[in-house]
Amino acid sequence: MDRRQFIRVAGGGVIASAVLPLAGCALSGDYPAEAVQAWKGPGEEADVRRWVLGYAILAPHSHNLQSWLVDLGRPDEITLYCDLTRLLPETDPLSRQIMMSHGTFVELLDLAARQKGLRADVELFPQGEFGPAQLDKRPVARIRLVPDARVNPDPLFGQILLRHTNREAYEPREPVPAALQAITDSVASHRIRVGFAGSAQPEQLQKHRAIASEAWRIELVTPRTIMESYKVLRVGPAEIARYRDGLSINTPMVRALTTLGLFDRSKAPGPHDAATTGQIKDFNAKITTTPAFFWLVTEGNDRKTQVNAGRAYARAQLAATAQGLAMQPLSQALQEYPEQAKLYAGIHALVEAPQPRFTVQMWTRLGYAPPVQPAPRRGVDAHIVTA
């Protein structure tokens, strides 16, 4: 789920590089207010479904694509679809991460519904489950909101507006045991296995770091995969405000080059360009000092399992936020394209999740870090359709 961007002068010459996180957290320069307005939370709504959706759209999503479409045609119901124009065919060819991103949406929707005394009855794939190869126009979920006096608010709801993916350098101190237990407890209702690695397992910790670094290098030097990030790159306030999705960067140098027409986004930098090697060095420095890793493993990997794994990840990240911890997904080694096959097998072996019975659905850095600004969001209206 994490990406970086490179700056090239038109014609191919490298002149600089800048970090570009997936969720759109820039190194400098605040985003336009309208692009992050959603993070203030929804206001009063006549239709409670819109209020609930105001929190659901803040869920984490691969490449910040926000590929959620909802139909409100039936009273008290929300039908969730996937926007098939917002997929990642190169880095997520089987759309596993896209389905997890729909799970994160469903979980935040459920947490918001509980705040209003509503029970969210979730039926996954009401017209049948997608096959393993590709998605289609059938709904991902049908959610009925039912008043229920037995429904209690979930404390994790209070973390939704505070949850942000953090790709900065983490402090060397390890997460305290109580925080790890809180993360584990947050997903207890799911059929999923969690794991952690830290300084108590030095050999394992080094293997996690090595796999993360090599998987990241492969994605950087594979033109078609890094170009998938270029296609959703938003540079400067005008583009960020216009799109409110994708990968945002607002640093002064990149903005200046873009204004002058000198930032060539039509091609990837070469594997030995200074921009590529510089970004590898920057990422490796962060990985080398990462104090802990966290992962989620499922038995099986069908579409319902993927959606439910996304729900579990949303809860785990909210629980981490409540404990003052930051997470950064490390998705490269989990991606099902050929160049990553060796590392895909490696991370599964490392966390004792042999294929095909088990699947590592999420793998992240974990630690303490300074806060970052939120990712742009398109707002509720952008997701409402009539089926």
Protein backbone atom coordinates (compact mmCIF):
# COMPACT_ATOMS: atom_id res chain seq x y z
CA MET A 1 0.00 0.00 0.00
CA ASP A 2 2.94 2.37 0.40
CA ARG A 3 4.53 4.18 -2.59
CA ARG A 4 7.17 6.84 -3.33
CA GLN A 5 7.40 9.40 -6.11
CA PHE A 6 10.36 10.59 -8.15
CA ILE A 7 10.97 13.94 -9.77
CA ARG A 8 12.31 14.02 -13.32
CA VAL A 9 12.87 16.94 -15.64
CA ALA A 10 11.03 16.55 -18.91
CA GLY A 11 13.30 14.59 -21.20
CA GLY A 12 14.44 12.21 -18.51
CA GLY A 13 17.06 13.95 -16.35
CA VAL A 14 16.78 13.39 -12.63
CA ILE A 15 17.14 16.53 -10.54
CA ALA A 16 15.62 15.69 -7.16
CA SER A 17 13.46 13.27 -5.25
CA ALA A 18 10.61 13.62 -2.79
CA VAL A 19 8.83 11.22 -0.51
CA LEU A 20 5.28 10.39 -1.52
CA PRO A 21 3.27 8.30 0.95
CA LEU A 22 0.22 6.33 -0.19
CA ALA A 23 -2.24 8.09 2.06
CA GLY A 24 -1.15 11.49 0.82
CA CYS A 25 0.80 12.83 3.79
CA ALA A 26 3.17 15.44 2.37
CA LEU A 27 6.56 16.33 3.75
CA SER A 28 5.60 20.00 3.81
CA GLY A 29 2.70 22.18 2.81
CA ASP A 30 -0.78 21.75 4.22
CA TYR A 31 -3.46 20.39 1.94
CA PRO A 32 -6.31 22.66 0.78
CA ALA A 33 -8.99 22.83 3.46
CA GLU A 34 -11.68 21.45 1.16
CA ALA A 35 -9.57 18.35 0.46
CA VAL A 36 -9.50 17.33 4.13
CA GLN A 37 -12.85 18.77 5.22
CA ALA A 38 -14.25 15.25 5.71
CA TRP A 39 -11.87 14.69 8.63
CA LYS A 40 -13.85 17.18 10.70
CA GLY A 41 -16.66 14.63 10.78
CA PRO A 42 -20.15 14.86 9.27
CA GLY A 43 -22.55 17.54 10.38
CA GLU A 44 -26.21 16.99 11.15
CA GLU A 45 -27.95 14.96 8.45
CA ALA A 46 -31.66 14.37 7.90
CA ASP A 47 -30.79 10.90 6.61
CA VAL A 48 -28.76 9.02 9.23
CA ARG A 49 -27.21 6.94 6.46
CA ARG A 50 -25.35 9.98 5.18
CA TRP A 51 -24.03 10.64 8.70
CA VAL A 52 -22.81 7.07 8.99
CA LEU A 53 -21.21 7.27 5.55
CA GLY A 54 -19.41 10.44 6.63
CA TYR A 55 -17.28 8.23 8.87
CA ALA A 56 -17.08 5.22 6.54
CA ILE A 57 -15.33 7.25 3.82
CA LEU A 58 -12.44 7.89 6.22
CA ALA A 59 -11.42 4.22 6.07
CA PRO A 60 -7.92 3.32 4.82
CA HIS A 61 -7.79 2.35 1.15
CA SER A 62 -5.02 1.12 -1.15
CA HIS A 63 -3.45 4.06 -3.03
CA ASN A 64 -6.19 6.18 -1.42
CA LEU A 65 -8.38 5.31 -4.42
CA GLN A 66 -11.63 5.36 -2.40
CA SER A 67 -13.30 2.88 -4.76
CA TRP A 68 -16.55 2.77 -2.78
CA LEU A 69 -19.93 3.35 -4.40
CA VAL A 70 -23.19 3.25 -2.41
CA ASP A 71 -26.83 3.07 -3.44
CA LEU A 72 -29.37 4.53 -0.99
CA GLY A 73 -32.42 3.59 -3.05
CA ARG A 74 -33.94 1.33 -0.40
CA PRO A 75 -35.03 2.93 2.89
CA ASP A 76 -32.78 2.14 5.85
CA GLU A 77 -30.35 0.25 3.60
CA ILE A 78 -26.95 0.92 2.08
CA THR A 79 -25.82 -1.19 -0.86
CA LEU A 80 -22.07 -1.11 -1.35
CA TYR A 81 -20.46 -1.57 -4.77
CA CYS A 82 -16.91 -1.40 -6.02
CA ASP A 83 -16.05 1.31 -8.53
CA LEU A 84 -14.45 -0.82 -11.24
CA THR A 85 -12.69 2.23 -12.68
CA ARG A 86 -10.66 2.52 -9.45
CA LEU A 87 -8.63 -0.68 -9.33
CA LEU A 88 -4.91 -1.51 -9.22
CA PRO A 89 -4.36 -4.10 -11.97
CA GLU A 90 -0.55 -4.02 -11.77
CA THR A 91 0.16 -4.09 -8.03
CA ASP A 92 -3.09 -5.74 -6.94
CA PRO A 93 -3.95 -7.93 -9.95
CA LEU A 94 -6.38 -10.15 -8.01
CA SER A 95 -7.99 -7.16 -6.23
CA ARG A 96 -7.37 -8.67 -2.80
CA GLN A 97 -6.33 -5.31 -1.37
CA ILE A 98 -9.34 -3.62 -2.97
CA MET A 99 -11.63 -6.07 -1.18
CA MET A 100 -9.82 -5.45 2.11
CA SER A 101 -10.38 -1.74 1.52
CA HIS A 102 -14.10 -2.42 1.26
CA GLY A 103 -13.85 -4.24 4.56
CA THR A 104 -12.32 -1.21 6.26
CA PHE A 105 -15.24 0.86 4.92
CA VAL A 106 -17.81 -1.60 6.30
CA GLU A 107 -16.15 -1.64 9.72
CA LEU A 108 -16.11 2.15 10.11
CA LEU A 109 -19.72 2.25 8.91
CA ASP A 110 -20.64 -0.28 11.60
CA LEU A 111 -18.84 1.69 14.31
CA ALA A 112 -20.67 4.87 13.27
CA ALA A 113 -24.04 3.11 13.20
CA ARG A 114 -23.52 1.95 16.78
CA GLN A 115 -23.11 5.55 17.87
CA LYS A 116 -26.68 6.15 16.71
CA GLY A 117 -28.10 3.05 18.41
CA LEU A 118 -28.33 1.22 15.09
CA ARG A 119 -27.42 -2.37 14.36
CA ALA A 120 -25.72 -2.78 10.99
CA ASP A 121 -26.87 -6.10 9.52
CA VAL A 122 -24.21 -6.80 6.90
CA GLU A 123 -24.86 -9.29 4.11
CA LEU A 124 -21.74 -9.80 2.03
CA PHE A 125 -22.11 -10.46 -1.71
CA PRO A 126 -25.93 -10.72 -1.71
CA GLN A 127 -25.95 -11.58 -5.42
CA GLY A 128 -23.02 -13.98 -5.23
CA GLU A 129 -19.31 -13.76 -4.47
CA PHE A 130 -16.77 -12.53 -7.00
CA GLY A 131 -14.41 -15.12 -8.40
CA PRO A 132 -10.68 -15.19 -7.53
CA ALA A 133 -9.51 -13.45 -10.69
CA GLN A 134 -11.59 -10.29 -11.04
CA LEU A 135 -14.43 -8.18 -9.69
CA ASP A 136 -17.72 -7.37 -11.40
CA LYS A 137 -20.76 -5.12 -11.02
CA ARG A 138 -22.50 -7.18 -8.33
CA PRO A 139 -22.70 -5.58 -4.87
CA VAL A 140 -20.02 -6.20 -2.27
CA ALA A 141 -22.45 -5.81 0.61
CA ARG A 142 -26.02 -4.94 1.53
CA ILE A 143 -26.24 -3.23 4.92
CA ARG A 144 -29.51 -2.74 6.75
CA LEU A 145 -29.59 -0.26 9.64
CA VAL A 146 -31.95 -1.38 12.39
CA PRO A 147 -32.71 0.48 15.65
CA ASP A 148 -31.66 -1.79 18.50
CA ALA A 149 -31.57 -0.81 22.18
CA ARG A 150 -29.09 -3.63 22.80
CA VAL A 151 -26.43 -2.02 20.61
CA ASN A 152 -23.62 -0.37 22.55
CA PRO A 153 -21.18 2.21 21.19
CA ASP A 154 -17.69 0.87 20.50
CA PRO A 155 -14.82 2.87 22.07
CA LEU A 156 -12.88 2.53 18.80
CA PHE A 157 -15.32 4.97 17.18
CA GLY A 158 -13.56 7.81 18.99
CA GLN A 159 -10.36 7.09 17.08
CA ILE A 160 -11.77 7.38 13.54
CA LEU A 161 -10.98 11.08 13.09
CA LEU A 162 -7.51 10.56 14.61
CA ARG A 163 -6.46 7.51 12.55
CA HIS A 164 -3.88 8.25 9.86
CA THR A 165 -1.35 6.01 8.16
CA ASN A 166 2.11 7.17 9.23
CA ARG A 167 5.12 6.65 6.96
CA GLU A 168 7.62 8.77 8.83
CA ALA A 169 10.56 7.50 10.88
CA TYR A 170 9.46 5.73 14.07
CA GLU A 171 11.03 6.17 17.47
CA PRO A 172 13.36 3.35 18.57
CA ARG A 173 11.30 2.44 21.64
CA GLU A 174 9.12 -0.63 21.27
CA PRO A 175 5.36 -0.77 21.77
CA VAL A 176 4.54 -1.69 25.36
CA PRO A 177 2.96 -5.11 25.97
CA ALA A 178 -0.36 -3.59 27.03
CA ALA A 179 -0.62 -1.82 23.67
CA LEU A 180 0.03 -5.04 21.76
CA GLN A 181 -2.61 -6.79 23.84
CA ALA A 182 -5.10 -4.01 23.06
CA ILE A 183 -4.51 -4.52 19.33
CA THR A 184 -4.92 -8.27 19.70
CA ASP A 185 -8.11 -7.87 21.72
CA SER A 186 -9.59 -5.51 19.13
CA VAL A 187 -9.85 -8.31 16.55
CA ALA A 188 -10.90 -11.10 18.92
CA SER A 189 -14.31 -11.40 17.24
CA HIS A 190 -12.71 -12.19 13.89
CA ARG A 191 -11.39 -15.52 12.67
CA ILE A 192 -7.93 -14.17 12.16
CA ARG A 193 -4.46 -14.67 13.62
CA VAL A 194 -2.33 -11.70 14.65
CA GLY A 195 1.40 -11.60 15.18
CA PHE A 196 4.13 -9.21 16.30
CA ALA A 197 7.91 -9.16 15.98
CA GLY A 198 10.25 -6.94 17.98
CA SER A 199 13.62 -6.87 19.68
CA ALA A 200 12.79 -9.99 21.70
CA GLN A 201 13.08 -11.87 18.37
CA PRO A 202 16.17 -10.20 16.85
CA GLU A 203 16.72 -12.74 14.08
CA GLN A 204 13.08 -12.63 13.03
CA LEU A 205 13.06 -8.82 13.19
CA GLN A 206 16.01 -8.65 10.78
CA LYS A 207 14.26 -11.00 8.36
CA HIS A 208 11.16 -8.79 8.39
CA ARG A 209 13.33 -5.78 7.60
CA ALA A 210 15.13 -7.58 4.78
CA ILE A 211 11.92 -8.73 3.08
CA ALA A 212 10.35 -5.28 3.36
CA SER A 213 13.40 -3.58 1.86
CA GLU A 214 13.78 -5.96 -1.07
CA ALA A 215 10.06 -5.97 -1.88
CA TRP A 216 10.07 -2.17 -1.92
CA ARG A 217 13.13 -2.11 -4.21
CA ILE A 218 11.42 -4.46 -6.67
CA GLU A 219 8.34 -2.29 -6.90
CA LEU A 220 10.45 0.81 -7.48
CA VAL A 221 12.46 -0.68 -10.34
CA THR A 222 9.51 -2.37 -12.08
CA PRO A 223 8.23 0.32 -14.48
CA ARG A 224 4.62 -0.83 -14.77
CA THR A 225 4.12 -1.01 -10.99
CA ILE A 226 5.66 2.35 -10.14
CA MET A 227 3.75 3.92 -13.04
CA GLU A 228 0.52 2.78 -11.42
CA SER A 229 1.35 5.23 -8.63
CA TYR A 230 2.20 7.99 -11.12
CA LYS A 231 -1.26 7.70 -12.65
CA VAL A 232 -2.93 8.73 -9.40
CA LEU A 233 -0.35 11.31 -8.33
CA ARG A 234 -1.82 14.70 -7.35
CA VAL A 235 0.69 17.54 -7.22
CA GLY A 236 -0.02 20.91 -5.61
CA PRO A 237 -3.16 22.50 -4.13
CA ALA A 238 -5.14 22.70 -7.38
CA GLU A 239 -4.83 19.00 -8.22
CA ILE A 240 -5.26 17.89 -4.62
CA ALA A 241 -8.44 19.95 -4.25
CA ARG A 242 -9.75 18.80 -7.62
CA TYR A 243 -9.31 15.06 -7.13
CA ARG A 244 -9.19 14.58 -3.32
CA ASP A 245 -7.89 11.05 -3.78
CA GLY A 246 -4.79 9.18 -4.85
CA LEU A 247 -1.26 10.07 -3.81
CA SER A 248 -0.83 13.72 -2.90
CA ILE A 249 2.35 15.76 -2.73
CA ASN A 250 2.51 19.44 -1.88
CA THR A 251 6.20 20.21 -1.43
CA PRO A 252 7.36 23.57 -2.85
CA MET A 253 9.97 22.15 -5.24
CA VAL A 254 7.61 19.69 -6.88
CA ARG A 255 4.93 22.34 -7.18
CA ALA A 256 7.39 24.72 -8.84
CA LEU A 257 8.56 22.09 -11.33
CA THR A 258 4.98 21.19 -12.17
CA THR A 259 4.07 24.83 -12.75
CA LEU A 260 7.04 25.15 -15.12
CA GLY A 261 6.10 21.99 -16.97
CA LEU A 262 9.34 20.30 -15.91
CA PHE A 263 7.95 17.40 -13.92
CA ASP A 264 7.68 14.45 -16.30
CA ARG A 265 5.05 12.04 -15.02
CA SER A 266 4.91 10.02 -18.23
CA LYS A 267 7.80 7.68 -17.44
CA ALA A 268 9.41 5.95 -14.49
CA PRO A 269 12.98 6.69 -13.42
CA GLY A 270 15.58 4.07 -14.23
CA PRO A 271 16.70 1.56 -11.60
CA HIS A 272 20.08 3.25 -11.21
CA ASP A 273 18.86 6.85 -11.31
CA ALA A 274 19.72 8.93 -8.27
CA ALA A 275 16.01 9.32 -7.51
CA THR A 276 15.53 5.56 -7.32
CA THR A 277 18.63 4.83 -5.28
CA GLY A 278 17.92 7.80 -3.02
CA GLN A 279 14.42 6.57 -2.25
CA ILE A 280 15.69 3.07 -1.55
CA LYS A 281 18.18 4.55 0.89
CA ASP A 282 15.47 6.64 2.58
CA PHE A 283 13.11 3.67 2.93
CA ASN A 284 15.84 1.39 4.20
CA ALA A 285 16.77 3.91 6.88
CA LYS A 286 13.19 3.86 8.16
CA ILE A 287 12.95 0.08 7.99
CA THR A 288 16.29 -0.38 9.77
CA THR A 289 15.06 1.59 12.75
CA THR A 290 11.50 0.18 12.79
CA PRO A 291 11.07 -1.28 16.28
CA ALA A 292 8.24 -3.73 15.53
CA PHE A 293 6.14 -5.39 12.85
CA PHE A 294 2.51 -6.52 12.96
CA TRP A 295 0.59 -8.93 10.72
CA LEU A 296 -2.82 -10.50 10.16
CA VAL A 297 -3.23 -14.04 8.80
CA THR A 298 -6.40 -15.78 7.63
CA GLU A 299 -7.16 -19.37 6.83
CA GLY A 300 -8.46 -19.25 3.30
CA ASN A 301 -8.56 -16.30 0.94
CA ASP A 302 -12.01 -16.07 -0.61
CA ARG A 303 -13.68 -12.72 -1.11
CA LYS A 304 -15.62 -12.78 2.16
CA THR A 305 -12.41 -13.59 4.02
CA GLN A 306 -10.68 -10.64 2.34
CA VAL A 307 -13.48 -8.22 3.28
CA ASN A 308 -13.52 -9.47 6.86
CA ALA A 309 -9.73 -9.18 7.03
CA GLY A 310 -10.15 -5.53 6.07
CA ARG A 311 -12.64 -5.10 8.89
CA ALA A 312 -10.12 -6.61 11.30
CA TYR A 313 -7.33 -4.37 10.06
CA ALA A 314 -9.48 -1.27 10.53
CA ARG A 315 -10.08 -2.28 14.13
CA ALA A 316 -6.40 -3.06 14.72
CA GLN A 317 -5.28 0.32 13.42
CA LEU A 318 -7.90 2.15 15.47
CA ALA A 319 -6.79 0.23 18.55
CA ALA A 320 -3.17 1.14 17.80
CA THR A 321 -4.18 4.79 17.44
CA ALA A 322 -5.86 4.64 20.85
CA GLN A 323 -2.55 3.40 22.28
CA GLY A 324 -0.55 6.23 20.68
CA LEU A 325 0.94 3.90 18.06
CA ALA A 326 1.43 4.40 14.34
CA MET A 327 1.10 1.84 11.55
CA GLN A 328 2.35 1.75 7.97
CA PRO A 329 1.21 -1.06 5.68
CA LEU A 330 4.01 -2.91 3.88
CA SER A 331 2.05 -4.40 1.03
CA GLN A 332 4.69 -4.98 -1.64
CA ALA A 333 5.66 -8.49 -0.50
CA LEU A 334 1.97 -9.41 -0.20
CA GLN A 335 1.14 -8.48 -3.78
CA GLU A 336 0.43 -11.21 -6.31
CA TYR A 337 2.48 -10.10 -9.31
CA PRO A 338 5.34 -12.28 -10.61
CA GLU A 339 8.31 -10.16 -9.55
CA GLN A 340 7.24 -10.44 -5.89
CA ALA A 341 6.65 -14.21 -5.89
CA LYS A 342 9.83 -15.12 -3.98
CA LEU A 343 9.22 -12.51 -1.29
CA TYR A 344 5.53 -13.41 -1.12
CA ALA A 345 6.59 -16.95 -0.26
CA GLY A 346 9.21 -15.59 2.11
CA ILE A 347 6.89 -13.51 4.28
CA HIS A 348 4.37 -16.36 4.45
CA ALA A 349 7.10 -18.71 5.63
CA LEU A 350 8.45 -16.18 8.13
CA VAL A 351 5.10 -15.78 9.90
CA GLU A 352 4.30 -19.50 9.65
CA ALA A 353 1.41 -19.10 7.22
CA PRO A 354 2.03 -21.78 4.57
CA GLN A 355 0.21 -21.39 1.28
CA PRO A 356 -2.35 -22.14 0.01
CA ARG A 357 -4.08 -22.82 3.30
CA PHE A 358 -3.15 -19.47 4.88
CA THR A 359 -2.83 -15.92 3.55
CA VAL A 360 -1.03 -12.96 5.08
CA GLN A 361 -3.66 -10.28 4.54
CA MET A 362 -1.81 -7.38 6.19
CA TRP A 363 1.75 -6.66 7.29
CA THR A 364 2.78 -3.33 8.81
CA ARG A 365 5.46 -1.35 10.55
CA LEU A 366 4.45 -0.55 14.12
CA GLY A 367 5.80 2.04 16.53
CA TYR A 368 5.60 5.51 18.01
CA ALA A 369 5.89 8.48 15.66
CA PRO A 370 4.99 12.18 15.42
CA PRO A 371 1.48 12.84 14.05
CA VAL A 372 0.88 13.42 10.34
CA GLN A 373 -1.87 15.20 8.46
CA PRO A 374 -4.81 13.20 7.04
CA ALA A 375 -5.30 12.05 3.48
CA PRO A 376 -7.62 13.94 1.12
CA ARG A 377 -11.17 12.57 0.85
CA ARG A 378 -13.81 13.14 -1.81
CA GLY A 379 -16.84 13.51 0.45
CA VAL A 380 -20.03 11.47 0.74
CA ASP A 381 -21.74 12.79 -2.38
CA ALA A 382 -18.93 11.50 -4.60
CA HIS A 383 -19.78 7.93 -3.60
CA ILE A 384 -23.58 7.93 -3.95
CA VAL A 385 -25.02 6.36 -7.09
CA THR A 386 -28.35 4.99 -8.28
CA ALA A 387 -27.99 1.36 -9.27
